[in-house]
Protein backbone atom coordinates (compact mmCIF):
# COMPACT_ATOMS: atom_id res chain seq x y z
CA MET A 1 -30.15 5.14 4.33
CA ASP A 2 -27.45 3.16 2.64
CA ILE A 3 -29.29 -0.07 1.67
CA ILE A 4 -26.11 -2.07 1.22
CA SER A 5 -25.05 -1.43 4.84
CA ASP A 6 -28.26 -3.10 6.00
CA PHE A 7 -27.35 -6.37 4.26
CA THR A 8 -25.61 -9.12 6.14
CA ALA A 9 -22.26 -10.16 4.67
CA GLU A 10 -23.77 -13.37 3.32
CA ASP A 11 -26.81 -11.64 1.79
CA PHE A 12 -24.55 -9.07 0.16
CA MET A 13 -22.45 -11.83 -1.46
CA LEU A 14 -25.57 -13.51 -2.78
CA TYR A 15 -26.87 -10.15 -4.04
CA VAL A 16 -23.66 -9.44 -5.97
CA ALA A 17 -23.62 -13.03 -7.28
CA ALA A 18 -27.13 -12.46 -8.71
CA LEU A 19 -25.97 -9.26 -10.37
CA LYS A 20 -23.09 -11.14 -11.93
CA GLY A 21 -25.41 -13.90 -13.23
CA ILE A 22 -24.04 -16.72 -10.96
CA PRO A 23 -26.60 -19.46 -10.40
CA PRO A 24 -28.02 -19.43 -6.84
CA GLN A 25 -26.83 -22.93 -5.90
CA LYS A 26 -23.28 -22.19 -7.04
CA ALA A 27 -23.40 -18.69 -5.53
CA ARG A 28 -24.19 -19.95 -2.04
CA GLY A 29 -21.25 -22.31 -1.95
CA ARG A 30 -18.88 -19.80 -3.55
CA SER A 31 -19.90 -17.10 -1.10
CA LYS A 32 -19.21 -19.27 1.95
CA GLU A 33 -15.88 -20.27 0.49
CA LEU A 34 -14.78 -16.69 -0.10
CA LEU A 35 -16.06 -15.41 3.26
CA ALA A 36 -13.99 -18.09 4.88
CA LEU A 37 -10.99 -17.18 2.80
CA VAL A 38 -11.12 -13.53 3.88
CA GLY A 39 -11.81 -14.40 7.55
CA LEU A 40 -15.39 -13.32 7.77
CA THR A 41 -17.23 -16.59 8.35
CA GLU A 42 -17.99 -15.83 12.01
CA VAL A 43 -19.58 -12.49 11.12
CA SER A 44 -21.33 -13.57 7.86
CA ALA A 45 -24.78 -13.17 9.52
CA LYS A 46 -23.99 -9.68 10.81
CA LYS A 47 -24.94 -6.46 9.04
CA ILE A 48 -22.33 -4.65 7.10
CA ARG A 49 -22.91 -1.40 8.99
CA THR A 50 -21.43 -3.08 12.10
CA PHE A 51 -18.13 -3.92 10.29
CA SER A 52 -14.83 -2.17 10.80
CA GLY A 53 -13.09 -0.58 7.83
CA GLY A 54 -10.80 -3.56 7.43
CA MET A 55 -13.73 -6.01 7.45
CA LYS A 56 -15.44 -3.97 4.74
CA GLN A 57 -12.29 -4.05 2.66
CA ARG A 58 -12.09 -7.82 2.97
CA LEU A 59 -15.72 -8.17 2.01
CA GLY A 60 -15.10 -5.98 -1.00
CA ILE A 61 -12.28 -8.33 -2.12
CA ALA A 62 -14.52 -11.37 -1.65
CA GLN A 63 -17.32 -9.98 -3.77
CA ALA A 64 -14.84 -8.86 -6.43
CA VAL A 65 -13.63 -12.40 -7.03
CA LEU A 66 -17.03 -14.16 -6.90
CA ASN A 67 -16.96 -14.87 -10.63
CA ASP A 68 -13.27 -15.78 -10.52
CA PRO A 69 -11.90 -12.99 -12.72
CA ARG A 70 -8.45 -13.38 -14.30
CA ILE A 71 -7.54 -9.80 -13.53
CA LEU A 72 -8.23 -7.98 -10.24
CA VAL A 73 -7.72 -4.19 -10.01
CA LEU A 74 -7.55 -2.59 -6.58
CA ASP A 75 -7.32 1.17 -5.99
CA GLU A 76 -5.72 2.24 -2.63
CA PRO A 77 -7.17 -0.83 -0.93
CA THR A 78 -5.34 -0.32 2.43
CA ALA A 79 -6.07 3.40 2.86
CA GLY A 80 -7.31 4.03 6.38
CA LEU A 81 -6.55 0.57 7.72
CA ASP A 82 -4.62 -0.09 10.90
CA PRO A 83 -1.28 -1.96 10.67
CA LYS A 84 -2.82 -5.33 11.69
CA GLU A 85 -5.45 -5.09 8.94
CA ARG A 86 -2.90 -3.98 6.37
CA VAL A 87 -0.85 -7.11 7.12
CA HIS A 88 -3.93 -9.31 6.83
CA PHE A 89 -4.86 -7.60 3.55
CA ARG A 90 -1.39 -8.05 2.08
CA LYS A 91 -1.48 -11.79 2.87
CA LEU A 92 -4.88 -12.00 1.26
CA ILE A 93 -3.71 -10.29 -1.94
CA ALA A 94 -0.64 -12.52 -2.09
CA ASN A 95 -2.93 -15.58 -1.95
CA PHE A 96 -5.17 -14.34 -4.70
CA SER A 97 -2.19 -13.57 -6.95
CA LYS A 98 -1.35 -17.24 -7.21
CA ASP A 99 -3.76 -17.66 -10.11
CA LYS A 100 -4.73 -14.15 -11.00
CA ILE A 101 -3.18 -10.93 -12.24
CA VAL A 102 -3.56 -8.40 -9.37
CA ILE A 103 -3.00 -4.74 -10.25
CA LEU A 104 -2.60 -2.71 -7.09
CA SER A 105 -2.67 1.09 -7.28
CA THR A 106 -1.34 2.72 -4.12
CA HIS A 107 0.83 5.44 -2.64
CA LEU A 108 1.59 3.22 0.37
CA VAL A 109 4.66 1.59 -1.16
CA SER A 110 5.27 -0.59 1.91
CA ASP A 111 2.12 -2.51 0.93
CA ILE A 112 3.67 -3.70 -2.33
CA GLU A 113 7.39 -3.97 -1.44
CA TYR A 114 7.21 -7.69 -0.46
CA ILE A 115 4.17 -9.00 -2.37
CA SER A 116 4.65 -7.54 -5.88
CA ASP A 117 6.38 -9.24 -8.79
CA THR A 118 6.60 -6.14 -10.87
CA VAL A 119 6.43 -2.45 -9.93
CA LEU A 120 5.33 0.28 -12.26
CA MET A 121 5.74 3.93 -11.34
CA ILE A 122 3.88 6.66 -13.12
CA LYS A 123 4.69 10.39 -12.94
CA ASP A 124 2.83 13.16 -14.79
CA GLY A 125 1.03 10.47 -16.84
CA LYS A 126 4.26 8.85 -18.00
CA LEU A 127 5.62 5.45 -17.09
CA ILE A 128 9.05 6.09 -15.55
CA ILE A 129 9.75 2.64 -13.95
CA ASN A 130 8.73 -0.87 -14.93
CA ARG A 131 10.92 -3.45 -13.23
CA PRO A 132 10.87 -6.62 -11.05
CA ALA A 133 10.13 -5.66 -7.49
CA ASP A 134 13.19 -7.42 -6.07
CA HIS A 135 15.50 -5.23 -8.22
CA ILE A 136 13.73 -1.92 -8.23
CA ALA A 137 15.45 -0.33 -5.24
CA HIS A 138 18.95 -1.21 -6.49
CA GLU A 139 19.25 2.05 -8.41
CA MET A 140 19.14 3.82 -5.01
CA VAL A 141 22.26 2.08 -3.77
CA GLY A 142 24.75 4.80 -2.79
CA LYS A 143 22.02 7.51 -2.78
CA VAL A 144 20.56 6.96 0.73
CA TRP A 145 22.48 8.60 3.61
CA ARG A 146 22.33 8.66 7.38
CA CYS A 147 23.25 12.16 8.57
CA VAL A 148 23.53 13.35 12.16
CA VAL A 149 23.01 17.13 12.58
CA GLN A 150 22.40 19.62 15.30
CA LYS A 151 18.68 20.22 15.81
CA GLU A 152 18.85 23.82 14.62
CA LYS A 153 20.35 22.72 11.29
CA THR A 154 17.43 20.36 10.42
CA GLU A 155 15.39 22.91 8.52
CA GLU A 156 18.39 24.11 6.52
CA VAL A 157 19.28 20.55 5.48
CA SER A 158 15.65 19.83 4.61
CA ARG A 159 15.71 22.85 2.21
CA LEU A 160 18.89 21.62 0.48
CA PHE A 161 18.13 17.87 0.28
CA CYS A 162 15.34 15.41 0.16
CA VAL A 163 14.90 14.18 3.70
CA ALA A 164 12.94 10.90 3.77
CA ASN A 165 12.81 10.58 7.57
CA LEU A 166 14.17 12.03 10.82
CA HIS A 167 14.62 10.88 14.33
CA HIS A 168 15.42 13.04 17.34
CA GLY A 169 18.34 11.87 19.43
CA ASP A 170 18.71 11.96 23.13
CA ASP A 171 20.80 15.11 23.03
CA ASN A 172 20.47 18.14 20.70
CA THR A 173 21.02 16.04 17.54
CA VAL A 174 18.68 14.81 14.82
CA ILE A 175 19.26 11.75 12.67
CA LEU A 176 18.22 12.36 9.08
CA ARG A 177 17.64 9.90 6.23
CA VAL A 178 18.73 11.89 3.17
CA LEU A 179 18.32 11.02 -0.44
CA SER A 180 21.12 12.44 -2.58
CA ASP A 181 23.29 11.42 -5.52
CA GLU A 182 26.38 12.75 -3.74
CA ILE A 183 27.36 12.73 -0.05
CA PRO A 184 25.23 15.48 1.40
CA LEU A 185 27.15 16.30 4.62
CA GLU A 186 30.52 15.45 6.13
CA GLY A 187 30.22 12.29 8.13
CA ALA A 188 27.21 10.94 6.34
CA VAL A 189 27.18 7.21 5.81
CA ASN A 190 25.23 5.08 3.31
CA GLU A 191 22.21 3.00 4.30
CA ALA A 192 20.35 0.22 2.47
CA PRO A 193 17.64 1.64 0.22
CA THR A 194 13.94 0.75 0.24
CA LEU A 195 11.15 1.08 -2.29
CA GLU A 196 9.86 4.10 -0.37
CA ASP A 197 13.28 5.80 -0.83
CA LEU A 198 12.94 5.29 -4.61
CA TYR A 199 9.43 6.71 -4.64
CA LEU A 200 10.45 9.81 -2.65
CA TYR A 201 13.61 10.24 -4.84
CA HIS A 202 11.53 10.55 -7.99
CA PHE A 203 8.79 12.66 -6.48
CA GLN A 204 10.92 14.90 -4.26
CA ASN A 205 10.10 18.04 -6.25
CA ASP A 206 6.37 17.38 -5.75
CA ILE A 207 6.97 16.86 -1.99
CA ALA A 208 9.01 20.06 -1.74
CA GLU A 209 6.31 22.02 -3.49
CA TYR A 210 3.69 20.54 -1.13
CA ARG A 211 5.74 21.65 1.89
CA GLY A 212 6.29 25.08 0.33
CA ILE A 213 10.05 24.62 -0.12
CA LYS A 214 11.48 26.52 -3.11
């Protein structure tokens, strides 16, 4: 049996505090403060095994900052969470970043688009982008296209270009979001880029290989 899962949230916080050498009196006050901050006060006496994935993630953040570290490193912290919990988690990280350096490693770029100051992108072990988050998508201006094609042409276009998204129309048409340096198809119009577009643009070869596209 997982012993940690049998702890209550409060007991777990006190246990971690002891491991970190925090005095008991200080640990109790700090634990209550952090459990309140992550929205777990009402369930602090419940066992961790009864928690949802999002609640466990929030508890993980609370214990990580017990000793008030200057740097907080989180690896794929929102993986598996529903949209509501992801929003809650992003707000939580934004609050912690006021007086800490928070390094967030994730493939879910929407989680960092609005809360990050700086975005670093690594490919094949090399740093390829290191820029302020509010400027990073600018290099994609003029490279994101909205294309309307017949349904039967979708696969052909997907082989020729990087398709970031698609939406089936009411008739026999499909609306494609295509990433391309040049206009991909006649009638294509530019759209505002996002951070996800930038990510897909730089990793399109990997995505094509994953899908078996030569």
